[in-house]
Amino acid sequence: MTTDVPAAALAQLQAELRGRGLVHGDLRAPERIGDGHSNLTYRLTDGTASFVLRRPPPPPVPPGAHDVLREAAFLRGLVGSGVPVPAVLITAAAGELLDVPCFVMELIEGDVVTTDEPPTLADPAQRRAAGESLVDTLAALHAVDWQAAGMAGLGRPEGFNGRHLHRMARLVADDEGRPPVAFRAVQDWLASHVPAESGATVVHNDYRLGNVVLSTGTPARVAAVLDWELATLGDPLFDLGYLLASVPVAGRPHTPTQELGTAMLGDGWPDRVALARRYQEATGADLTALPWFETLAHWKLAVLYEYGRRRAVEGIGDLYYRDPQLVRSFLRAAHTSAGLPAPQEDP
């Protein structure tokens, strides 16, 4: 099928939502929202009430990727935890509504900020409040009792750091398990410096400014955390390292992820040092190994983009990834955060 929602599925969604008293009029044609390259997101509305539909991209989908029902499980587990998340209203296995699994959740109103700022963030004090709330929300996530919340079966936190490194490496390794030449220096550095896990928490795995909804009130705060499709259980410092890796620095080249956060270059937004300090104050975490996690984040994104590039070259998946410069930008950032010389080889 296409990324559109068939009329029969829309009618069934309408009946489900009407049966719960959530809509009264007819649902309009779904509107695609967001510009990500992962699970697809649509706005459903009857002109009064609005909701969000999440589904995987069109096949072929890599094994284990784009698991929307797992995403819904994390959202349900976090309800009432103090971490702001949308409520899941409907889940459906493949064949029940669409030919792929999907779920419907509430729509949280607010601003998703990436490159441009809304008028509500014109004041530097509001920007600072938004940045501090971004860190405070991450600290709250890492304080969640995931076992009591019924999420124990959603990951294996023991040995997370080394296992995550090796699992990602396999995506681009050759038949003999060797990484591409351009990846080798960073991968060797990561493998020789794997830190012991600093804890076991829910890990969002893609935590950055563009994946939260900011409130429009004063002070600015995180109203909802979105895009939980990569969530797991593991070392909380991965989330912090990933967040810091997503923050652009003025005067330095930006990775594609940092390009989706250039609003944070504005006056008032906390820089990487301030963000890390606030997290440490909130959690008491030992940040000695933080450079490893920042490097891992850059390198992991290089791996994922290289995997996507190979698929795009073969005519499979999202053509956005076809440009090899995207991979190179992440590798350059990984070399920098690891303190390694600039890479000489291209992927």
C-alpha atoms as a PDB file:
ATOM      1  CA  MET A   1       0.000   0.000   0.000  1.00  0.00           C
ATOM      2  CA  THR A   2       0.998   3.654  -0.185  1.00  0.00           C
ATOM      3  CA  THR A   3       1.616   5.815   2.854  1.00  0.00           C
ATOM      4  CA  ASP A   4      -2.036   6.956   2.616  1.00  0.00           C
ATOM      5  CA  VAL A   5      -4.644   5.521   4.956  1.00  0.00           C
ATOM      6  CA  PRO A   6      -7.245   3.543   2.965  1.00  0.00           C
ATOM      7  CA  ALA A   7     -10.887   4.646   3.207  1.00  0.00           C
ATOM      8  CA  ALA A   8     -11.904   1.397   4.915  1.00  0.00           C
ATOM      9  CA  ALA A   9      -9.248   1.835   7.612  1.00  0.00           C
ATOM     10  CA  LEU A  10     -10.246   5.467   8.109  1.00  0.00           C
ATOM     11  CA  ALA A  11     -13.873   4.425   8.542  1.00  0.00           C
ATOM     12  CA  GLN A  12     -12.872   1.841  11.134  1.00  0.00           C
ATOM     13  CA  LEU A  13     -10.739   4.381  12.997  1.00  0.00           C
ATOM     14  CA  GLN A  14     -13.678   6.763  12.953  1.00  0.00           C
ATOM     15  CA  ALA A  15     -15.954   4.091  14.409  1.00  0.00           C
ATOM     16  CA  GLU A  16     -13.421   3.275  17.142  1.00  0.00           C
ATOM     17  CA  LEU A  17     -13.001   6.929  18.116  1.00  0.00           C
ATOM     18  CA  ARG A  18     -16.750   7.570  17.985  1.00  0.00           C
ATOM     19  CA  GLY A  19     -17.372   4.556  20.172  1.00  0.00           C
ATOM     20  CA  ARG A  20     -15.167   6.149  22.807  1.00  0.00           C
ATOM     21  CA  GLY A  21     -16.892   9.494  22.475  1.00  0.00           C
ATOM     22  CA  LEU A  22     -13.723  11.114  21.158  1.00  0.00           C
ATOM     23  CA  VAL A  23     -15.066  12.298  17.789  1.00  0.00           C
ATOM     24  CA  HIS A  24     -18.542  13.193  16.596  1.00  0.00           C
ATOM     25  CA  GLY A  25     -18.047  14.316  12.997  1.00  0.00           C
ATOM     26  CA  ASP A  26     -16.490  12.533  10.048  1.00  0.00           C
ATOM     27  CA  LEU A  27     -12.725  12.120   9.984  1.00  0.00           C
ATOM     28  CA  ARG A  28     -11.059  14.039   7.188  1.00  0.00           C
ATOM     29  CA  ALA A  29      -8.330  12.639   4.956  1.00  0.00           C
ATOM     30  CA  PRO A  30      -5.222  12.112   7.135  1.00  0.00           C
ATOM     31  CA  GLU A  31      -2.544  14.803   6.857  1.00  0.00           C
ATOM     32  CA  ARG A  32       1.124  13.785   6.986  1.00  0.00           C
ATOM     33  CA  ILE A  33       2.982  15.762   9.641  1.00  0.00           C
ATOM     34  CA  GLY A  34       6.666  15.928  10.431  1.00  0.00           C
ATOM     35  CA  ASP A  35       9.611  15.481   8.104  1.00  0.00           C
ATOM     36  CA  GLY A  36      11.427  12.606   9.749  1.00  0.00           C
ATOM     37  CA  HIS A  37      12.767   9.490   8.059  1.00  0.00           C
ATOM     38  CA  SER A  38      11.423   6.869  10.465  1.00  0.00           C
ATOM     39  CA  ASN A  39       7.878   5.927  11.446  1.00  0.00           C
ATOM     40  CA  LEU A  40       5.259   7.944   9.601  1.00  0.00           C
ATOM     41  CA  THR A  41       2.966  10.337  11.439  1.00  0.00           C
ATOM     42  CA  TYR A  42      -0.466  11.582  10.388  1.00  0.00           C
ATOM     43  CA  ARG A  43      -2.952  14.020  11.872  1.00  0.00           C
ATOM     44  CA  LEU A  44      -6.522  12.709  12.133  1.00  0.00           C
ATOM     45  CA  THR A  45      -9.292  15.247  12.712  1.00  0.00           C
ATOM     46  CA  ASP A  46     -13.034  15.657  12.418  1.00  0.00           C
ATOM     47  CA  GLY A  47     -12.617  19.428  12.400  1.00  0.00           C
ATOM     48  CA  THR A  48     -12.926  19.683  16.168  1.00  0.00           C
ATOM     49  CA  ALA A  49     -10.902  16.946  17.830  1.00  0.00           C
ATOM     50  CA  SER A  50      -7.489  15.879  16.511  1.00  0.00           C
ATOM     51  CA  PHE A  51      -5.360  12.774  16.996  1.00  0.00           C
ATOM     52  CA  VAL A  52      -2.116  11.281  15.706  1.00  0.00           C
ATOM     53  CA  LEU A  53      -1.689   8.040  13.754  1.00  0.00           C
ATOM     54  CA  ARG A  54       1.723   6.333  13.743  1.00  0.00           C
ATOM     55  CA  ARG A  55       2.694   3.583  11.299  1.00  0.00           C
ATOM     56  CA  PRO A  56       5.924   2.176   9.825  1.00  0.00           C
ATOM     57  CA  PRO A  57       7.222   3.374   6.461  1.00  0.00           C
ATOM     58  CA  PRO A  58       6.342   1.310   3.376  1.00  0.00           C
ATOM     59  CA  PRO A  59       8.141  -2.045   3.065  1.00  0.00           C
ATOM     60  CA  PRO A  60      10.738  -3.379   2.821  1.00  0.00           C
ATOM     61  CA  VAL A  61      11.524  -2.621   6.457  1.00  0.00           C
ATOM     62  CA  PRO A  62      14.770  -3.888   8.053  1.00  0.00           C
ATOM     63  CA  PRO A  63      14.199  -6.666  10.628  1.00  0.00           C
ATOM     64  CA  GLY A  64      13.527  -5.246  14.087  1.00  0.00           C
ATOM     65  CA  ALA A  65      13.126  -1.678  12.836  1.00  0.00           C
ATOM     66  CA  HIS A  66      10.107   0.628  13.037  1.00  0.00           C
ATOM     67  CA  ASP A  67       8.296  -1.412  15.719  1.00  0.00           C
ATOM     68  CA  VAL A  68       5.358   0.874  16.402  1.00  0.00           C
ATOM     69  CA  LEU A  69       3.696  -1.460  18.893  1.00  0.00           C
ATOM     70  CA  ARG A  70       6.873  -1.473  20.985  1.00  0.00           C
ATOM     71  CA  GLU A  71       6.808   2.314  20.770  1.00  0.00           C
ATOM     72  CA  ALA A  72       3.218   2.288  22.030  1.00  0.00           C
ATOM     73  CA  ALA A  73       4.230   0.002  24.914  1.00  0.00           C
ATOM     74  CA  PHE A  74       6.809   2.514  26.115  1.00  0.00           C
ATOM     75  CA  LEU A  75       4.287   5.346  25.897  1.00  0.00           C
ATOM     76  CA  ARG A  76       1.765   3.377  27.928  1.00  0.00           C
ATOM     77  CA  GLY A  77       4.379   2.454  30.498  1.00  0.00           C
ATOM     78  CA  LEU A  78       5.324   6.095  31.002  1.00  0.00           C
ATOM     79  CA  VAL A  79       1.807   7.382  31.626  1.00  0.00           C
ATOM     80  CA  GLY A  80       1.709   8.898  35.112  1.00  0.00           C
ATOM     81  CA  SER A  81       5.501   8.723  35.483  1.00  0.00           C
ATOM     82  CA  GLY A  82       6.101  12.467  35.417  1.00  0.00           C
ATOM     83  CA  VAL A  83       7.519  12.251  31.896  1.00  0.00           C
ATOM     84  CA  PRO A  84       5.097  14.071  29.559  1.00  0.00           C
ATOM     85  CA  VAL A  85       3.968  11.691  26.811  1.00  0.00           C
ATOM     86  CA  PRO A  86       0.852  11.456  24.621  1.00  0.00           C
ATOM     87  CA  ALA A  87      -1.784   8.945  25.714  1.00  0.00           C
ATOM     88  CA  VAL A  88      -2.146   5.919  23.424  1.00  0.00           C
ATOM     89  CA  LEU A  89      -5.802   5.437  22.435  1.00  0.00           C
ATOM     90  CA  ILE A  90      -5.794   2.580  19.926  1.00  0.00           C
ATOM     91  CA  THR A  91      -3.271  -0.073  18.930  1.00  0.00           C
ATOM     92  CA  ALA A  92      -3.730  -2.419  15.989  1.00  0.00           C
ATOM     93  CA  ALA A  93      -1.671  -5.338  14.719  1.00  0.00           C
ATOM     94  CA  ALA A  94      -0.991  -5.769  10.995  1.00  0.00           C
ATOM     95  CA  GLY A  95      -4.216  -6.535   9.175  1.00  0.00           C
ATOM     96  CA  GLU A  96      -6.545  -5.133  11.835  1.00  0.00           C
ATOM     97  CA  LEU A  97      -6.637  -1.574  10.454  1.00  0.00           C
ATOM     98  CA  LEU A  98      -3.774  -1.290   7.985  1.00  0.00           C
ATOM     99  CA  ASP A  99      -1.541  -3.914   6.419  1.00  0.00           C
ATOM    100  CA  VAL A 100       1.091  -2.867   8.982  1.00  0.00           C
ATOM    101  CA  PRO A 101       0.899  -2.364  12.765  1.00  0.00           C
ATOM    102  CA  CYS A 102      -0.183   1.102  13.875  1.00  0.00           C
ATOM    103  CA  PHE A 103      -1.456   3.093  16.824  1.00  0.00           C
ATOM    104  CA  VAL A 104      -3.424   6.264  17.514  1.00  0.00           C
ATOM    105  CA  MET A 105      -2.469   8.664  20.274  1.00  0.00           C
ATOM    106  CA  GLU A 106      -3.603  12.040  21.506  1.00  0.00           C
ATOM    107  CA  LEU A 107      -2.282  15.171  19.829  1.00  0.00           C
ATOM    108  CA  ILE A 108      -0.322  17.436  22.166  1.00  0.00           C
ATOM    109  CA  GLU A 109      -0.540  21.052  21.087  1.00  0.00           C
ATOM    110  CA  GLY A 110       2.592  23.173  21.182  1.00  0.00           C
ATOM    111  CA  ASP A 111       5.709  23.924  19.176  1.00  0.00           C
ATOM    112  CA  VAL A 112       8.210  21.490  17.670  1.00  0.00           C
ATOM    113  CA  VAL A 113      11.374  23.549  17.287  1.00  0.00           C
ATOM    114  CA  THR A 114      14.208  22.684  14.925  1.00  0.00           C
ATOM    115  CA  THR A 115      15.670  25.440  12.743  1.00  0.00           C
ATOM    116  CA  ASP A 116      13.234  28.288  13.394  1.00  0.00           C
ATOM    117  CA  GLU A 117      11.859  29.561  16.659  1.00  0.00           C
ATOM    118  CA  PRO A 118       8.231  30.474  17.304  1.00  0.00           C
ATOM    119  CA  PRO A 119       7.444  33.943  18.692  1.00  0.00           C
ATOM    120  CA  THR A 120       7.067  32.426  22.161  1.00  0.00           C
ATOM    121  CA  LEU A 121      10.838  31.832  22.207  1.00  0.00           C
ATOM    122  CA  ALA A 122      11.839  35.342  21.123  1.00  0.00           C
ATOM    123  CA  ASP A 123      12.955  36.113  24.685  1.00  0.00           C
ATOM    124  CA  PRO A 124      16.366  34.610  25.607  1.00  0.00           C
ATOM    125  CA  ALA A 125      14.970  33.820  29.052  1.00  0.00           C
ATOM    126  CA  GLN A 126      12.339  31.625  27.419  1.00  0.00           C
ATOM    127  CA  ARG A 127      15.005  29.876  25.372  1.00  0.00           C
ATOM    128  CA  ARG A 128      16.993  29.181  28.503  1.00  0.00           C
ATOM    129  CA  ALA A 129      13.883  27.819  30.225  1.00  0.00           C
ATOM    130  CA  ALA A 130      13.177  25.552  27.247  1.00  0.00           C
ATOM    131  CA  GLY A 131      16.724  24.200  27.257  1.00  0.00           C
ATOM    132  CA  GLU A 132      16.657  23.586  30.994  1.00  0.00           C
ATOM    133  CA  SER A 133      13.307  21.810  30.709  1.00  0.00           C
ATOM    134  CA  LEU A 134      14.797  19.628  27.960  1.00  0.00           C
ATOM    135  CA  VAL A 135      17.435  18.393  30.414  1.00  0.00           C
ATOM    136  CA  ASP A 136      15.078  18.198  33.379  1.00  0.00           C
ATOM    137  CA  THR A 137      12.696  16.016  31.378  1.00  0.00           C
ATOM    138  CA  LEU A 138      15.557  13.694  30.440  1.00  0.00           C
ATOM    139  CA  ALA A 139      16.546  13.438  34.099  1.00  0.00           C
ATOM    140  CA  ALA A 140      12.926  12.620  34.973  1.00  0.00           C
ATOM    141  CA  LEU A 141      12.875   9.887  32.341  1.00  0.00           C
ATOM    142  CA  HIS A 142      15.993   8.308  33.790  1.00  0.00           C
ATOM    143  CA  ALA A 143      14.423   8.341  37.259  1.00  0.00           C
ATOM    144  CA  VAL A 144      11.402   6.262  36.159  1.00  0.00           C
ATOM    145  CA  ASP A 145      11.018   2.909  37.919  1.00  0.00           C
ATOM    146  CA  TRP A 146      10.704   0.929  34.695  1.00  0.00           C
ATOM    147  CA  GLN A 147      10.255  -2.386  36.464  1.00  0.00           C
ATOM    148  CA  ALA A 148       7.296  -1.130  38.489  1.00  0.00           C
ATOM    149  CA  ALA A 149       5.889   0.394  35.289  1.00  0.00           C
ATOM    150  CA  GLY A 150       5.832  -3.012  33.592  1.00  0.00           C
ATOM    151  CA  MET A 151       8.607  -2.301  31.076  1.00  0.00           C
ATOM    152  CA  ALA A 152      11.088  -4.976  32.190  1.00  0.00           C
ATOM    153  CA  GLY A 153      10.558  -6.989  29.017  1.00  0.00           C
ATOM    154  CA  LEU A 154      11.404  -4.099  26.690  1.00  0.00           C
ATOM    155  CA  GLY A 155      15.193  -4.304  26.843  1.00  0.00           C
ATOM    156  CA  ARG A 156      18.343  -5.821  28.378  1.00  0.00           C
ATOM    157  CA  PRO A 157      20.273  -3.133  30.268  1.00  0.00           C
ATOM    158  CA  GLU A 158      23.067  -5.475  31.399  1.00  0.00           C
ATOM    159  CA  GLY A 159      26.062  -5.122  29.073  1.00  0.00           C
ATOM    160  CA  PHE A 160      24.206  -2.488  27.036  1.00  0.00           C
ATOM    161  CA  ASN A 161      27.219  -0.380  26.046  1.00  0.00           C
ATOM    162  CA  GLY A 162      29.392  -3.074  24.513  1.00  0.00           C
ATOM    163  CA  ARG A 163      26.459  -4.968  23.041  1.00  0.00           C
ATOM    164  CA  HIS A 164      25.058  -1.831  21.412  1.00  0.00           C
ATOM    165  CA  LEU A 165      28.424  -1.022  19.884  1.00  0.00           C
ATOM    166  CA  HIS A 166      28.853  -4.511  18.407  1.00  0.00           C
ATOM    167  CA  ARG A 167      25.263  -4.748  17.161  1.00  0.00           C
ATOM    168  CA  MET A 168      25.523  -1.440  15.315  1.00  0.00           C
ATOM    169  CA  ALA A 169      28.926  -2.353  13.860  1.00  0.00           C
ATOM    170  CA  ARG A 170      27.437  -5.410  12.157  1.00  0.00           C
ATOM    171  CA  LEU A 171      25.181  -3.205  10.032  1.00  0.00           C
ATOM    172  CA  VAL A 172      28.087  -1.990   7.902  1.00  0.00           C
ATOM    173  CA  ALA A 173      30.707  -4.707   8.410  1.00  0.00           C
ATOM    174  CA  ASP A 174      31.910  -6.783   5.479  1.00  0.00           C
ATOM    175  CA  ASP A 175      31.539 -10.561   5.249  1.00  0.00           C
ATOM    176  CA  GLU A 176      34.553 -11.025   7.509  1.00  0.00           C
ATOM    177  CA  GLY A 177      33.194  -8.648  10.162  1.00  0.00           C
ATOM    178  CA  ARG A 178      35.536  -5.754   9.319  1.00  0.00           C
ATOM    179  CA  PRO A 179      34.257  -2.161   9.371  1.00  0.00           C
ATOM    180  CA  PRO A 180      34.635   0.142   6.371  1.00  0.00           C
ATOM    181  CA  VAL A 181      38.031   1.866   6.381  1.00  0.00           C
ATOM    182  CA  ALA A 182      36.540   5.260   7.219  1.00  0.00           C
ATOM    183  CA  PHE A 183      34.818   3.822  10.303  1.00  0.00           C
ATOM    184  CA  ARG A 184      37.784   1.872  11.617  1.00  0.00           C
ATOM    185  CA  ALA A 185      39.604   4.442  13.771  1.00  0.00           C
ATOM    186  CA  VAL A 186      36.523   5.513  15.711  1.00  0.00           C
ATOM    187  CA  GLN A 187      35.225   1.962  16.073  1.00  0.00           C
ATOM    188  CA  ASP A 188      38.593   0.791  17.419  1.00  0.00           C
ATOM    189  CA  TRP A 189      38.648   3.722  19.862  1.00  0.00           C
ATOM    190  CA  LEU A 190      35.113   2.974  21.056  1.00  0.00           C
ATOM    191  CA  ALA A 191      35.843  -0.743  21.437  1.00  0.00           C
ATOM    192  CA  SER A 192      38.952  -0.082  23.524  1.00  0.00           C
ATOM    193  CA  HIS A 193      37.215   2.408  25.834  1.00  0.00           C
ATOM    194  CA  VAL A 194      33.828   0.786  26.526  1.00  0.00           C
ATOM    195  CA  PRO A 195      32.742   2.026  29.966  1.00  0.00           C
ATOM    196  CA  ALA A 196      30.851  -0.020  32.507  1.00  0.00           C
ATOM    197  CA  GLU A 197      27.145   0.817  32.570  1.00  0.00           C
ATOM    198  CA  SER A 198      26.438   3.834  34.771  1.00  0.00           C
ATOM    199  CA  GLY A 199      22.921   2.588  35.481  1.00  0.00           C
ATOM    200  CA  ALA A 200      19.862   0.935  33.979  1.00  0.00           C
ATOM    201  CA  THR A 201      17.036   3.208  32.863  1.00  0.00           C
ATOM    202  CA  VAL A 202      14.571   3.784  30.069  1.00  0.00           C
ATOM    203  CA  VAL A 203      16.623   5.187  27.179  1.00  0.00           C
ATOM    204  CA  HIS A 204      14.778   7.219  24.555  1.00  0.00           C
ATOM    205  CA  ASN A 205      17.626   6.673  22.042  1.00  0.00           C
ATOM    206  CA  ASP A 206      16.796   9.735  19.921  1.00  0.00           C
ATOM    207  CA  TYR A 207      16.422  12.463  22.515  1.00  0.00           C
ATOM    208  CA  ARG A 208      16.899  15.924  21.031  1.00  0.00           C
ATOM    209  CA  LEU A 209      15.099  19.243  20.685  1.00  0.00           C
ATOM    210  CA  GLY A 210      13.199  18.272  17.527  1.00  0.00           C
ATOM    211  CA  ASN A 211      11.639  15.243  19.240  1.00  0.00           C
ATOM    212  CA  VAL A 212       9.788  17.173  21.931  1.00  0.00           C
ATOM    213  CA  VAL A 213       6.782  19.479  21.924  1.00  0.00           C
ATOM    214  CA  LEU A 214       7.359  22.751  23.759  1.00  0.00           C
ATOM    215  CA  SER A 215       4.529  24.512  25.529  1.00  0.00           C
ATOM    216  CA  THR A 216       3.450  27.958  24.347  1.00  0.00           C
ATOM    217  CA  GLY A 217       3.093  29.287  27.875  1.00  0.00           C
ATOM    218  CA  THR A 218       5.576  30.927  30.235  1.00  0.00           C
ATOM    219  CA  PRO A 219       8.046  29.626  31.222  1.00  0.00           C
ATOM    220  CA  ALA A 220       8.684  27.413  28.211  1.00  0.00           C
ATOM    221  CA  ARG A 221       8.709  23.726  29.088  1.00  0.00           C
ATOM    222  CA  VAL A 222       8.566  20.304  27.462  1.00  0.00           C
ATOM    223  CA  ALA A 223       4.888  19.437  27.005  1.00  0.00           C
ATOM    224  CA  ALA A 224       5.487  16.025  25.405  1.00  0.00           C
ATOM    225  CA  VAL A 225       8.334  13.750  24.340  1.00  0.00           C
ATOM    226  CA  LEU A 226       7.755  12.186  20.920  1.00  0.00           C
ATOM    227  CA  ASP A 227       9.259   9.487  18.664  1.00  0.00           C
ATOM    228  CA  TRP A 228       9.822   6.553  21.011  1.00  0.00           C
ATOM    229  CA  GLU A 229      10.405   3.976  18.280  1.00  0.00           C
ATOM    230  CA  LEU A 230      14.060   3.434  19.253  1.00  0.00           C
ATOM    231  CA  ALA A 231      13.458   3.361  23.017  1.00  0.00           C
ATOM    232  CA  THR A 232      15.012   0.589  25.084  1.00  0.00           C
ATOM    233  CA  LEU A 233      16.510  -0.107  28.498  1.00  0.00           C
ATOM    234  CA  GLY A 234      20.173   0.743  28.928  1.00  0.00           C
ATOM    235  CA  ASP A 235      22.739   3.258  30.096  1.00  0.00           C
ATOM    236  CA  PRO A 236      21.199   6.710  30.717  1.00  0.00           C
ATOM    237  CA  LEU A 237      24.410   8.427  29.617  1.00  0.00           C
ATOM    238  CA  PHE A 238      23.698   7.344  26.061  1.00  0.00           C
ATOM    239  CA  ASP A 239      20.703   9.704  26.018  1.00  0.00           C
ATOM    240  CA  LEU A 240      22.768  12.541  27.443  1.00  0.00           C
ATOM    241  CA  GLY A 241      25.620  11.936  25.005  1.00  0.00           C
ATOM    242  CA  TYR A 242      23.161  11.801  22.115  1.00  0.00           C
ATOM    243  CA  LEU A 243      21.458  15.019  23.227  1.00  0.00           C
ATOM    244  CA  LEU A 244      24.779  16.847  23.443  1.00  0.00           C
ATOM    245  CA  ALA A 245      25.859  15.430  20.072  1.00  0.00           C
ATOM    246  CA  SER A 246      22.698  16.946  18.558  1.00  0.00           C
ATOM    247  CA  VAL A 247      23.474  20.481  19.795  1.00  0.00           C
ATOM    248  CA  PRO A 248      25.217  22.593  17.134  1.00  0.00           C
ATOM    249  CA  VAL A 249      28.221  24.756  17.977  1.00  0.00           C
ATOM    250  CA  ALA A 250      28.653  28.104  16.260  1.00  0.00           C
ATOM    251  CA  GLY A 251      31.567  28.179  13.842  1.00  0.00           C
ATOM    252  CA  ARG A 252      31.791  24.394  13.484  1.00  0.00           C
ATOM    253  CA  PRO A 253      30.424  22.195  10.675  1.00  0.00           C
ATOM    254  CA  HIS A 254      27.036  20.723  11.547  1.00  0.00           C
ATOM    255  CA  THR A 255      25.943  17.124  11.209  1.00  0.00           C
ATOM    256  CA  PRO A 256      22.462  16.434   9.779  1.00  0.00           C
ATOM    257  CA  THR A 257      21.188  15.955  13.339  1.00  0.00           C
ATOM    258  CA  GLN A 258      22.663  19.257  14.436  1.00  0.00           C
ATOM    259  CA  GLU A 259      21.071  20.929  11.411  1.00  0.00           C
ATOM    260  CA  LEU A 260      17.734  19.893  12.936  1.00  0.00           C
ATOM    261  CA  GLY A 261      18.582  21.889  16.054  1.00  0.00           C
ATOM    262  CA  THR A 262      20.121  25.104  14.762  1.00  0.00           C
ATOM    263  CA  ALA A 263      17.523  27.096  16.667  1.00  0.00           C
ATOM    264  CA  MET A 264      19.717  26.349  19.712  1.00  0.00           C
ATOM    265  CA  LEU A 265      22.385  28.672  18.325  1.00  0.00           C
ATOM    266  CA  GLY A 266      20.210  31.594  19.433  1.00  0.00           C
ATOM    267  CA  ASP A 267      21.026  33.736  22.454  1.00  0.00           C
ATOM    268  CA  GLY A 268      19.824  32.203  25.711  1.00  0.00           C
ATOM    269  CA  TRP A 269      19.890  28.514  24.814  1.00  0.00           C
ATOM    270  CA  PRO A 270      22.170  26.543  27.182  1.00  0.00           C
ATOM    271  CA  ASP A 271      25.297  25.222  25.466  1.00  0.00           C
ATOM    272  CA  ARG A 272      26.608  21.674  25.784  1.00  0.00           C
ATOM    273  CA  VAL A 273      28.554  22.404  28.962  1.00  0.00           C
ATOM    274  CA  ALA A 274      25.554  23.992  30.658  1.00  0.00           C
ATOM    275  CA  LEU A 275      23.249  21.162  29.608  1.00  0.00           C
ATOM    276  CA  ALA A 276      25.638  18.518  30.960  1.00  0.00           C
ATOM    277  CA  ARG A 277      26.108  20.435  34.215  1.00  0.00           C
ATOM    278  CA  ARG A 278      22.354  20.718  34.790  1.00  0.00           C
ATOM    279  CA  TYR A 279      21.884  16.992  34.159  1.00  0.00           C
ATOM    280  CA  GLN A 280      24.667  16.171  36.608  1.00  0.00           C
ATOM    281  CA  GLU A 281      23.130  18.424  39.246  1.00  0.00           C
ATOM    282  CA  ALA A 282      19.727  16.783  38.759  1.00  0.00           C
ATOM    283  CA  THR A 283      20.930  13.174  38.797  1.00  0.00           C
ATOM    284  CA  GLY A 284      24.305  13.114  40.537  1.00  0.00           C
ATOM    285  CA  ALA A 285      25.679  11.157  37.570  1.00  0.00           C
ATOM    286  CA  ASP A 286      29.409  10.666  37.069  1.00  0.00           C
ATOM    287  CA  LEU A 287      30.078  12.168  33.636  1.00  0.00           C
ATOM    288  CA  THR A 288      33.683  11.008  33.289  1.00  0.00           C
ATOM    289  CA  ALA A 289      32.789   8.729  30.368  1.00  0.00           C
ATOM    290  CA  LEU A 290      30.562  11.289  28.630  1.00  0.00           C
ATOM    291  CA  PRO A 291      32.953  11.799  25.644  1.00  0.00           C
ATOM    292  CA  TRP A 292      32.606   8.085  24.868  1.00  0.00           C
ATOM    293  CA  PHE A 293      28.832   8.407  24.680  1.00  0.00           C
ATOM    294  CA  GLU A 294      29.005  11.525  22.506  1.00  0.00           C
ATOM    295  CA  THR A 295      31.388   9.721  20.167  1.00  0.00           C
ATOM    296  CA  LEU A 296      29.156   6.649  20.142  1.00  0.00           C
ATOM    297  CA  ALA A 297      26.192   8.835  19.172  1.00  0.00           C
ATOM    298  CA  HIS A 298      28.020  10.371  16.197  1.00  0.00           C
ATOM    299  CA  TRP A 299      29.445   7.016  15.097  1.00  0.00           C
ATOM    300  CA  LYS A 300      26.091   5.241  15.464  1.00  0.00           C
ATOM    301  CA  LEU A 301      24.437   7.861  13.270  1.00  0.00           C
ATOM    302  CA  ALA A 302      27.225   7.432  10.709  1.00  0.00           C
ATOM    303  CA  VAL A 303      26.502   3.684  10.722  1.00  0.00           C
ATOM    304  CA  LEU A 304      22.767   4.169  10.305  1.00  0.00           C
ATOM    305  CA  TYR A 305      23.220   6.710   7.537  1.00  0.00           C
ATOM    306  CA  GLU A 306      25.719   4.448   5.766  1.00  0.00           C
ATOM    307  CA  TYR A 307      23.277   1.554   6.036  1.00  0.00           C
ATOM    308  CA  GLY A 308      20.558   3.803   4.634  1.00  0.00           C
ATOM    309  CA  ARG A 309      22.900   5.036   1.887  1.00  0.00           C
ATOM    310  CA  ARG A 310      23.616   1.499   0.693  1.00  0.00           C
ATOM    311  CA  ARG A 311      19.916   0.695   0.589  1.00  0.00           C
ATOM    312  CA  ALA A 312      19.152   3.927  -1.287  1.00  0.00           C
ATOM    313  CA  VAL A 313      21.842   3.164  -3.868  1.00  0.00           C
ATOM    314  CA  GLU A 314      20.127  -0.189  -4.405  1.00  0.00           C
ATOM    315  CA  GLY A 315      16.796   1.576  -4.896  1.00  0.00           C
ATOM    316  CA  ILE A 316      15.442   0.500  -1.502  1.00  0.00           C
ATOM    317  CA  GLY A 317      14.180   2.760   1.239  1.00  0.00           C
ATOM    318  CA  ASP A 318      14.527   6.515   1.670  1.00  0.00           C
ATOM    319  CA  LEU A 319      16.504   8.312  -1.052  1.00  0.00           C
ATOM    320  CA  TYR A 320      17.375  11.043   1.450  1.00  0.00           C
ATOM    321  CA  TYR A 321      20.269   8.869   2.655  1.00  0.00           C
ATOM    322  CA  ARG A 322      21.888   8.552  -0.768  1.00  0.00           C
ATOM    323  CA  ASP A 323      24.308  11.477  -0.251  1.00  0.00           C
ATOM    324  CA  PRO A 324      27.624  10.132   1.200  1.00  0.00           C
ATOM    325  CA  GLN A 325      28.400  13.574   2.631  1.00  0.00           C
ATOM    326  CA  LEU A 326      25.852  12.884   5.353  1.00  0.00           C
ATOM    327  CA  VAL A 327      27.895   9.914   6.561  1.00  0.00           C
ATOM    328  CA  ARG A 328      31.151  11.868   6.358  1.00  0.00           C
ATOM    329  CA  SER A 329      29.798  14.658   8.549  1.00  0.00           C
ATOM    330  CA  PHE A 330      28.999  12.243  11.372  1.00  0.00           C
ATOM    331  CA  LEU A 331      32.397  10.560  11.087  1.00  0.00           C
ATOM    332  CA  ARG A 332      34.181  13.916  11.292  1.00  0.00           C
ATOM    333  CA  ALA A 333      32.193  14.758  14.422  1.00  0.00           C
ATOM    334  CA  ALA A 334      33.018  11.353  15.936  1.00  0.00           C
ATOM    335  CA  HIS A 335      36.738  11.866  15.333  1.00  0.00           C
ATOM    336  CA  THR A 336      36.532  15.272  17.000  1.00  0.00           C
ATOM    337  CA  SER A 337      34.683  14.091  20.108  1.00  0.00           C
ATOM    338  CA  ALA A 338      37.074  11.131  20.480  1.00  0.00           C
ATOM    339  CA  GLY A 339      40.117  13.393  20.131  1.00  0.00           C
ATOM    340  CA  LEU A 340      41.276  11.528  17.021  1.00  0.00           C
ATOM    341  CA  PRO A 341      42.932  13.093  13.955  1.00  0.00           C
ATOM    342  CA  ALA A 342      40.564  14.131  11.179  1.00  0.00           C
ATOM    343  CA  PRO A 343      39.525  11.156   9.006  1.00  0.00           C
ATOM    344  CA  GLN A 344      41.471  10.628   5.802  1.00  0.00           C
ATOM    345  CA  GLU A 345      39.285   8.021   4.134  1.00  0.00           C
ATOM    346  CA  ASP A 346      35.784   8.434   2.769  1.00  0.00           C
ATOM    347  CA  PRO A 347      33.089   5.801   3.414  1.00  0.00           C
END
